[in-house]
Amino acid sequence: MAALGATRRELSNAFDGLTAYLRSPAKGVWKASDGREEQDDVIMVEVVTEVFDRQWWRDYTGLLAKRFGQEEIHVRAVGIQMLDEAGA
């Protein structure tokens, strides 16, 4: 899938690496406003950064929505604490 490859390259370049969970895409299921059941494949990509730039992500999710033909792209920002010596 060319779109996924482009996304992986962009995120890897922007954040010096990434983790992509691609082996078995999750299935998303929800009820549409007209009552129909909708479903989609879900792929998670994780990057680690010291600063979360909300505007960059807003702009990038717009690009991704167009690229993947989606109404929305969900981004989660989670604070982490490193447990190795460098993060201690």
PDB file of N, CA and C in Angstrom:
ATOM      1  N   MET A   1       0.845  -1.172   0.000  1.00  0.00           N
ATOM      2  CA  MET A   1       0.000   0.000   0.000  1.00  0.00           C
ATOM      3  C   MET A   1       0.897   1.244   0.000  1.00  0.00           C
ATOM      4  N   ALA A   2       0.869   1.978  -1.081  1.00  0.00           N
ATOM      5  CA  ALA A   2       1.732   3.148  -1.253  1.00  0.00           C
ATOM      6  C   ALA A   2       1.439   4.228  -0.224  1.00  0.00           C
ATOM      7  N   ALA A   3       0.166   4.422   0.120  1.00  0.00           N
ATOM      8  CA  ALA A   3      -0.202   5.467   1.085  1.00  0.00           C
ATOM      9  C   ALA A   3       0.420   5.187   2.450  1.00  0.00           C
ATOM     10  N   LEU A   4       0.406   3.929   2.864  1.00  0.00           N
ATOM     11  CA  LEU A   4       0.991   3.574   4.155  1.00  0.00           C
ATOM     12  C   LEU A   4       2.505   3.737   4.118  1.00  0.00           C
ATOM     13  N   GLY A   5       3.132   3.363   3.018  1.00  0.00           N
ATOM     14  CA  GLY A   5       4.574   3.533   2.880  1.00  0.00           C
ATOM     15  C   GLY A   5       4.983   4.998   2.960  1.00  0.00           C
ATOM     16  N   ALA A   6       4.230   5.871   2.301  1.00  0.00           N
ATOM     17  CA  ALA A   6       4.524   7.301   2.355  1.00  0.00           C
ATOM     18  C   ALA A   6       4.372   7.825   3.782  1.00  0.00           C
ATOM     19  N   THR A   7       3.348   7.384   4.463  1.00  0.00           N
ATOM     20  CA  THR A   7       3.105   7.821   5.834  1.00  0.00           C
ATOM     21  C   THR A   7       4.228   7.347   6.753  1.00  0.00           C
ATOM     22  N   ARG A   8       4.642   6.113   6.593  1.00  0.00           N
ATOM     23  CA  ARG A   8       5.744   5.588   7.416  1.00  0.00           C
ATOM     24  C   ARG A   8       7.021   6.399   7.195  1.00  0.00           C
ATOM     25  N   ARG A   9       7.325   6.707   5.928  1.00  0.00           N
ATOM     26  CA  ARG A   9       8.525   7.501   5.631  1.00  0.00           C
ATOM     27  C   ARG A   9       8.423   8.899   6.249  1.00  0.00           C
ATOM     28  N   GLU A  10       7.279   9.538   6.104  1.00  0.00           N
ATOM     29  CA  GLU A  10       7.106  10.895   6.641  1.00  0.00           C
ATOM     30  C   GLU A  10       7.273  10.919   8.154  1.00  0.00           C
ATOM     31  N   LEU A  11       6.610   9.990   8.835  1.00  0.00           N
ATOM     32  CA  LEU A  11       6.691   9.978  10.295  1.00  0.00           C
ATOM     33  C   LEU A  11       8.072   9.568  10.781  1.00  0.00           C
ATOM     34  N   SER A  12       8.689   8.622  10.108  1.00  0.00           N
ATOM     35  CA  SER A  12      10.036   8.202  10.480  1.00  0.00           C
ATOM     36  C   SER A  12      11.020   9.363  10.321  1.00  0.00           C
ATOM     37  N   ASN A  13      10.882  10.114   9.241  1.00  0.00           N
ATOM     38  CA  ASN A  13      11.756  11.275   9.029  1.00  0.00           C
ATOM     39  C   ASN A  13      11.490  12.367  10.058  1.00  0.00           C
ATOM     40  N   ALA A  14      10.220  12.613  10.371  1.00  0.00           N
ATOM     41  CA  ALA A  14       9.870  13.697  11.300  1.00  0.00           C
ATOM     42  C   ALA A  14      10.249  13.380  12.743  1.00  0.00           C
ATOM     43  N   PHE A  15      10.199  12.083  13.122  1.00  0.00           N
ATOM     44  CA  PHE A  15      10.402  11.708  14.523  1.00  0.00           C
ATOM     45  C   PHE A  15      11.562  10.741  14.729  1.00  0.00           C
ATOM     46  N   ASP A  16      12.395  10.572  13.713  1.00  0.00           N
ATOM     47  CA  ASP A  16      13.569   9.696  13.781  1.00  0.00           C
ATOM     48  C   ASP A  16      13.219   8.252  14.100  1.00  0.00           C
ATOM     49  N   GLY A  17      12.051   7.809  13.698  1.00  0.00           N
ATOM     50  CA  GLY A  17      11.655   6.416  13.881  1.00  0.00           C
ATOM     51  C   GLY A  17      10.185   6.302  14.199  1.00  0.00           C
ATOM     52  N   LEU A  18       9.677   5.088  14.176  1.00  0.00           N
ATOM     53  CA  LEU A  18       8.282   4.823  14.499  1.00  0.00           C
ATOM     54  C   LEU A  18       8.093   3.341  14.743  1.00  0.00           C
ATOM     55  N   THR A  19       6.967   2.996  15.296  1.00  0.00           N
ATOM     56  CA  THR A  19       6.527   1.610  15.414  1.00  0.00           C
ATOM     57  C   THR A  19       5.179   1.520  14.735  1.00  0.00           C
ATOM     58  N   ALA A  20       5.045   0.624  13.772  1.00  0.00           N
ATOM     59  CA  ALA A  20       3.780   0.440  13.061  1.00  0.00           C
ATOM     60  C   ALA A  20       3.249  -0.949  13.383  1.00  0.00           C
ATOM     61  N   TYR A  21       2.030  -1.013  13.867  1.00  0.00           N
ATOM     62  CA  TYR A  21       1.381  -2.277  14.212  1.00  0.00           C
ATOM     63  C   TYR A  21       0.561  -2.715  13.007  1.00  0.00           C
ATOM     64  N   LEU A  22       1.168  -3.540  12.148  1.00  0.00           N
ATOM     65  CA  LEU A  22       0.569  -3.861  10.854  1.00  0.00           C
ATOM     66  C   LEU A  22       0.190  -5.327  10.667  1.00  0.00           C
ATOM     67  N   ARG A  23       0.616  -6.211  11.525  1.00  0.00           N
ATOM     68  CA  ARG A  23       0.433  -7.644  11.294  1.00  0.00           C
ATOM     69  C   ARG A  23      -1.017  -8.047  11.109  1.00  0.00           C
ATOM     70  N   SER A  24      -1.872  -7.633  11.993  1.00  0.00           N
ATOM     71  CA  SER A  24      -3.291  -7.971  11.844  1.00  0.00           C
ATOM     72  C   SER A  24      -4.102  -6.731  12.199  1.00  0.00           C
ATOM     73  N   PRO A  25      -4.470  -5.961  11.187  1.00  0.00           N
ATOM     74  CA  PRO A  25      -5.208  -4.729  11.487  1.00  0.00           C
ATOM     75  C   PRO A  25      -6.437  -5.005  12.342  1.00  0.00           C
ATOM     76  N   ALA A  26      -6.661  -4.129  13.290  1.00  0.00           N
ATOM     77  CA  ALA A  26      -7.854  -4.217  14.120  1.00  0.00           C
ATOM     78  C   ALA A  26      -9.068  -3.862  13.263  1.00  0.00           C
ATOM     79  N   LYS A  27     -10.220  -4.338  13.660  1.00  0.00           N
ATOM     80  CA  LYS A  27     -11.466  -4.011  12.978  1.00  0.00           C
ATOM     81  C   LYS A  27     -12.239  -3.031  13.834  1.00  0.00           C
ATOM     82  N   GLY A  28     -12.544  -1.879  13.267  1.00  0.00           N
ATOM     83  CA  GLY A  28     -13.380  -0.903  13.955  1.00  0.00           C
ATOM     84  C   GLY A  28     -14.812  -1.066  13.487  1.00  0.00           C
ATOM     85  N   VAL A  29     -15.763  -1.050  14.421  1.00  0.00           N
ATOM     86  CA  VAL A  29     -17.181  -1.182  14.092  1.00  0.00           C
ATOM     87  C   VAL A  29     -17.942  -0.113  14.859  1.00  0.00           C
ATOM     88  N   TRP A  30     -18.885   0.559  14.185  1.00  0.00           N
ATOM     89  CA  TRP A  30     -19.695   1.584  14.845  1.00  0.00           C
ATOM     90  C   TRP A  30     -21.005   1.744  14.090  1.00  0.00           C
ATOM     91  N   LYS A  31     -21.960   2.421  14.737  1.00  0.00           N
ATOM     92  CA  LYS A  31     -23.247   2.717  14.116  1.00  0.00           C
ATOM     93  C   LYS A  31     -23.165   4.086  13.454  1.00  0.00           C
ATOM     94  N   ALA A  32     -23.532   4.143  12.190  1.00  0.00           N
ATOM     95  CA  ALA A  32     -23.586   5.408  11.465  1.00  0.00           C
ATOM     96  C   ALA A  32     -24.830   6.174  11.901  1.00  0.00           C
ATOM     97  N   SER A  33     -24.894   7.445  11.560  1.00  0.00           N
ATOM     98  CA  SER A  33     -26.031   8.273  11.968  1.00  0.00           C
ATOM     99  C   SER A  33     -27.356   7.767  11.401  1.00  0.00           C
ATOM    100  N   ASP A  34     -27.307   7.037  10.293  1.00  0.00           N
ATOM    101  CA  ASP A  34     -28.545   6.487   9.716  1.00  0.00           C
ATOM    102  C   ASP A  34     -28.872   5.103  10.265  1.00  0.00           C
ATOM    103  N   GLY A  35     -28.103   4.641  11.268  1.00  0.00           N
ATOM    104  CA  GLY A  35     -28.372   3.361  11.920  1.00  0.00           C
ATOM    105  C   GLY A  35     -27.637   2.175  11.318  1.00  0.00           C
ATOM    106  N   ARG A  36     -27.029   2.368  10.163  1.00  0.00           N
ATOM    107  CA  ARG A  36     -26.278   1.266   9.548  1.00  0.00           C
ATOM    108  C   ARG A  36     -25.013   0.988  10.338  1.00  0.00           C
ATOM    109  N   GLU A  37     -24.594  -0.267  10.326  1.00  0.00           N
ATOM    110  CA  GLU A  37     -23.319  -0.617  10.955  1.00  0.00           C
ATOM    111  C   GLU A  37     -22.203  -0.380   9.953  1.00  0.00           C
ATOM    112  N   GLU A  38     -21.187   0.345  10.376  1.00  0.00           N
ATOM    113  CA  GLU A  38     -20.017   0.624   9.550  1.00  0.00           C
ATOM    114  C   GLU A  38     -18.829  -0.120  10.145  1.00  0.00           C
ATOM    115  N   GLN A  39     -17.853  -0.404   9.299  1.00  0.00           N
ATOM    116  CA  GLN A  39     -16.616  -1.000   9.813  1.00  0.00           C
ATOM    117  C   GLN A  39     -15.436  -0.555   8.979  1.00  0.00           C
ATOM    118  N   ASP A  40     -14.277  -0.673   9.576  1.00  0.00           N
ATOM    119  CA  ASP A  40     -13.060  -0.222   8.913  1.00  0.00           C
ATOM    120  C   ASP A  40     -11.881  -0.977   9.503  1.00  0.00           C
ATOM    121  N   ASP A  41     -10.806  -1.099   8.740  1.00  0.00           N
ATOM    122  CA  ASP A  41      -9.555  -1.623   9.274  1.00  0.00           C
ATOM    123  C   ASP A  41      -8.856  -0.491  10.013  1.00  0.00           C
ATOM    124  N   VAL A  42      -8.198  -0.828  11.112  1.00  0.00           N
ATOM    125  CA  VAL A  42      -7.504   0.165  11.915  1.00  0.00           C
ATOM    126  C   VAL A  42      -6.043  -0.251  12.031  1.00  0.00           C
ATOM    127  N   ILE A  43      -5.161   0.657  11.680  1.00  0.00           N
ATOM    128  CA  ILE A  43      -3.727   0.420  11.828  1.00  0.00           C
ATOM    129  C   ILE A  43      -3.186   1.484  12.767  1.00  0.00           C
ATOM    130  N   MET A  44      -2.405   1.052  13.737  1.00  0.00           N
ATOM    131  CA  MET A  44      -1.816   1.994  14.689  1.00  0.00           C
ATOM    132  C   MET A  44      -0.349   2.217  14.365  1.00  0.00           C
ATOM    133  N   VAL A  45       0.038   3.477  14.417  1.00  0.00           N
ATOM    134  CA  VAL A  45       1.434   3.860  14.237  1.00  0.00           C
ATOM    135  C   VAL A  45       1.801   4.715  15.440  1.00  0.00           C
ATOM    136  N   GLU A  46       2.942   4.401  16.039  1.00  0.00           N
ATOM    137  CA  GLU A  46       3.372   5.086  17.255  1.00  0.00           C
ATOM    138  C   GLU A  46       4.684   5.815  17.012  1.00  0.00           C
ATOM    139  N   VAL A  47       4.735   7.059  17.458  1.00  0.00           N
ATOM    140  CA  VAL A  47       5.979   7.809  17.449  1.00  0.00           C
ATOM    141  C   VAL A  47       6.200   8.356  18.852  1.00  0.00           C
ATOM    142  N   VAL A  48       7.452   8.630  19.172  1.00  0.00           N
ATOM    143  CA  VAL A  48       7.807   9.188  20.474  1.00  0.00           C
ATOM    144  C   VAL A  48       8.469  10.540  20.224  1.00  0.00           C
ATOM    145  N   THR A  49       8.008  11.534  20.957  1.00  0.00           N
ATOM    146  CA  THR A  49       8.569  12.869  20.825  1.00  0.00           C
ATOM    147  C   THR A  49       8.529  13.563  22.176  1.00  0.00           C
ATOM    148  N   GLU A  50       9.446  14.460  22.389  1.00  0.00           N
ATOM    149  CA  GLU A  50       9.476  15.176  23.669  1.00  0.00           C
ATOM    150  C   GLU A  50       8.421  16.265  23.743  1.00  0.00           C
ATOM    151  N   VAL A  51       8.041  16.825  22.597  1.00  0.00           N
ATOM    152  CA  VAL A  51       7.058  17.905  22.561  1.00  0.00           C
ATOM    153  C   VAL A  51       5.938  17.519  21.602  1.00  0.00           C
ATOM    154  N   PHE A  52       4.689  17.661  22.043  1.00  0.00           N
ATOM    155  CA  PHE A  52       3.535  17.383  21.198  1.00  0.00           C
ATOM    156  C   PHE A  52       3.080  18.689  20.554  1.00  0.00           C
ATOM    157  N   ASP A  53       3.234  18.780  19.254  1.00  0.00           N
ATOM    158  CA  ASP A  53       2.879  19.974  18.493  1.00  0.00           C
ATOM    159  C   ASP A  53       1.465  19.799  17.936  1.00  0.00           C
ATOM    160  N   ARG A  54       0.483  20.335  18.650  1.00  0.00           N
ATOM    161  CA  ARG A  54      -0.927  20.156  18.271  1.00  0.00           C
ATOM    162  C   ARG A  54      -1.218  20.639  16.852  1.00  0.00           C
ATOM    163  N   GLN A  55      -0.693  21.774  16.467  1.00  0.00           N
ATOM    164  CA  GLN A  55      -0.996  22.296  15.133  1.00  0.00           C
ATOM    165  C   GLN A  55      -0.411  21.402  14.045  1.00  0.00           C
ATOM    166  N   TRP A  56       0.803  20.906  14.254  1.00  0.00           N
ATOM    167  CA  TRP A  56       1.407  20.006  13.269  1.00  0.00           C
ATOM    168  C   TRP A  56       0.522  18.781  13.083  1.00  0.00           C
ATOM    169  N   TRP A  57       0.056  18.210  14.198  1.00  0.00           N
ATOM    170  CA  TRP A  57      -0.788  17.016  14.120  1.00  0.00           C
ATOM    171  C   TRP A  57      -2.141  17.319  13.500  1.00  0.00           C
ATOM    172  N   ARG A  58      -2.723  18.474  13.781  1.00  0.00           N
ATOM    173  CA  ARG A  58      -3.992  18.845  13.130  1.00  0.00           C
ATOM    174  C   ARG A  58      -3.809  18.893  11.622  1.00  0.00           C
ATOM    175  N   ASP A  59      -2.753  19.544  11.181  1.00  0.00           N
ATOM    176  CA  ASP A  59      -2.480  19.639   9.746  1.00  0.00           C
ATOM    177  C   ASP A  59      -2.214  18.262   9.145  1.00  0.00           C
ATOM    178  N   TYR A  60      -1.414  17.467   9.841  1.00  0.00           N
ATOM    179  CA  TYR A  60      -1.034  16.148   9.313  1.00  0.00           C
ATOM    180  C   TYR A  60      -2.230  15.200   9.262  1.00  0.00           C
ATOM    181  N   THR A  61      -3.112  15.237  10.255  1.00  0.00           N
ATOM    182  CA  THR A  61      -4.285  14.361  10.211  1.00  0.00           C
ATOM    183  C   THR A  61      -5.204  14.731   9.059  1.00  0.00           C
ATOM    184  N   GLY A  62      -5.252  16.005   8.700  1.00  0.00           N
ATOM    185  CA  GLY A  62      -6.028  16.401   7.520  1.00  0.00           C
ATOM    186  C   GLY A  62      -5.466  15.772   6.261  1.00  0.00           C
ATOM    187  N   LEU A  63      -4.149  15.790   6.133  1.00  0.00           N
ATOM    188  CA  LEU A  63      -3.491  15.149   4.991  1.00  0.00           C
ATOM    189  C   LEU A  63      -3.775  13.652   4.986  1.00  0.00           C
ATOM    190  N   LEU A  64      -3.667  13.021   6.170  1.00  0.00           N
ATOM    191  CA  LEU A  64      -3.905  11.574   6.246  1.00  0.00           C
ATOM    192  C   LEU A  64      -5.346  11.204   5.926  1.00  0.00           C
ATOM    193  N   ALA A  65      -6.291  12.008   6.373  1.00  0.00           N
ATOM    194  CA  ALA A  65      -7.700  11.728   6.081  1.00  0.00           C
ATOM    195  C   ALA A  65      -7.928  11.695   4.574  1.00  0.00           C
ATOM    196  N   LYS A  66      -7.359  12.652   3.871  1.00  0.00           N
ATOM    197  CA  LYS A  66      -7.487  12.659   2.405  1.00  0.00           C
ATOM    198  C   LYS A  66      -6.769  11.464   1.791  1.00  0.00           C
ATOM    199  N   ARG A  67      -5.561  11.212   2.263  1.00  0.00           N
ATOM    200  CA  ARG A  67      -4.745  10.126   1.710  1.00  0.00           C
ATOM    201  C   ARG A  67      -5.427   8.768   1.839  1.00  0.00           C
ATOM    202  N   PHE A  68      -6.050   8.533   2.983  1.00  0.00           N
ATOM    203  CA  PHE A  68      -6.659   7.223   3.243  1.00  0.00           C
ATOM    204  C   PHE A  68      -8.178   7.208   3.026  1.00  0.00           C
ATOM    205  N   GLY A  69      -8.746   8.305   2.544  1.00  0.00           N
ATOM    206  CA  GLY A  69     -10.184   8.357   2.270  1.00  0.00           C
ATOM    207  C   GLY A  69     -11.027   8.215   3.527  1.00  0.00           C
ATOM    208  N   GLN A  70     -10.618   8.876   4.606  1.00  0.00           N
ATOM    209  CA  GLN A  70     -11.314   8.780   5.889  1.00  0.00           C
ATOM    210  C   GLN A  70     -11.945  10.116   6.257  1.00  0.00           C
ATOM    211  N   GLU A  71     -13.031  10.043   7.019  1.00  0.00           N
ATOM    212  CA  GLU A  71     -13.633  11.267   7.537  1.00  0.00           C
ATOM    213  C   GLU A  71     -12.780  11.847   8.656  1.00  0.00           C
ATOM    214  N   GLU A  72     -12.193  10.977   9.448  1.00  0.00           N
ATOM    215  CA  GLU A  72     -11.388  11.414  10.585  1.00  0.00           C
ATOM    216  C   GLU A  72     -10.185  10.500  10.756  1.00  0.00           C
ATOM    217  N   ILE A  73      -9.150  11.060  11.310  1.00  0.00           N
ATOM    218  CA  ILE A  73      -7.976  10.310  11.750  1.00  0.00           C
ATOM    219  C   ILE A  73      -7.835  10.600  13.242  1.00  0.00           C
ATOM    220  N   HIS A  74      -7.680   9.581  14.033  1.00  0.00           N
ATOM    221  CA  HIS A  74      -7.570   9.760  15.477  1.00  0.00           C
ATOM    222  C   HIS A  74      -6.105   9.769  15.898  1.00  0.00           C
ATOM    223  N   VAL A  75      -5.735  10.761  16.688  1.00  0.00           N
ATOM    224  CA  VAL A  75      -4.388  10.875  17.231  1.00  0.00           C
ATOM    225  C   VAL A  75      -4.511  10.884  18.746  1.00  0.00           C
ATOM    226  N   ARG A  76      -3.709  10.063  19.390  1.00  0.00           N
ATOM    227  CA  ARG A  76      -3.647  10.052  20.855  1.00  0.00           C
ATOM    228  C   ARG A  76      -2.290  10.550  21.287  1.00  0.00           C
ATOM    229  N   ALA A  77      -2.280  11.402  22.298  1.00  0.00           N
ATOM    230  CA  ALA A  77      -1.027  11.863  22.891  1.00  0.00           C
ATOM    231  C   ALA A  77      -1.012  11.344  24.323  1.00  0.00           C
ATOM    232  N   VAL A  78       0.003  10.563  24.638  1.00  0.00           N
ATOM    233  CA  VAL A  78       0.101   9.933  25.952  1.00  0.00           C
ATOM    234  C   VAL A  78       1.453  10.281  26.552  1.00  0.00           C
ATOM    235  N   GLY A  79       1.440  10.817  27.756  1.00  0.00           N
ATOM    236  CA  GLY A  79       2.694  11.082  28.446  1.00  0.00           C
ATOM    237  C   GLY A  79       3.323   9.781  28.912  1.00  0.00           C
ATOM    238  N   ILE A  80       4.625   9.688  28.816  1.00  0.00           N
ATOM    239  CA  ILE A  80       5.327   8.483  29.258  1.00  0.00           C
ATOM    240  C   ILE A  80       6.480   8.868  30.172  1.00  0.00           C
ATOM    241  N   GLN A  81       6.883   7.929  30.976  1.00  0.00           N
ATOM    242  CA  GLN A  81       8.069   8.100  31.826  1.00  0.00           C
ATOM    243  C   GLN A  81       9.008   6.957  31.504  1.00  0.00           C
ATOM    244  N   MET A  82      10.211   7.283  31.035  1.00  0.00           N
ATOM    245  CA  MET A  82      11.186   6.261  30.672  1.00  0.00           C
ATOM    246  C   MET A  82      11.790   5.665  31.936  1.00  0.00           C
ATOM    247  N   LEU A  83      11.959   4.359  31.942  1.00  0.00           N
ATOM    248  CA  LEU A  83      12.478   3.663  33.128  1.00  0.00           C
ATOM    249  C   LEU A  83      13.930   3.234  32.987  1.00  0.00           C
ATOM    250  N   ASP A  84      14.523   3.485  31.820  1.00  0.00           N
ATOM    251  CA  ASP A  84      15.937   3.125  31.663  1.00  0.00           C
ATOM    252  C   ASP A  84      16.811   4.164  32.362  1.00  0.00           C
ATOM    253  N   GLU A  85      18.098   3.941  32.397  1.00  0.00           N
ATOM    254  CA  GLU A  85      19.010   4.839  33.123  1.00  0.00           C
ATOM    255  C   GLU A  85      18.985   6.265  32.576  1.00  0.00           C
ATOM    256  N   ALA A  86      18.877   6.407  31.258  1.00  0.00           N
ATOM    257  CA  ALA A  86      18.881   7.747  30.666  1.00  0.00           C
ATOM    258  C   ALA A  86      17.641   8.516  31.075  1.00  0.00           C
ATOM    259  N   GLY A  87      16.542   7.831  31.291  1.00  0.00           N
ATOM    260  CA  GLY A  87      15.289   8.499  31.673  1.00  0.00           C
ATOM    261  C   GLY A  87      15.071   8.568  33.158  1.00  0.00           C
ATOM    262  N   ALA A  88      15.954   7.970  33.932  1.00  0.00           N
ATOM    263  CA  ALA A  88      15.771   7.914  35.375  1.00  0.00           C
ATOM    264  C   ALA A  88      16.063   9.223  36.067  1.00  0.00           C
TER     265      ALA A  88
END
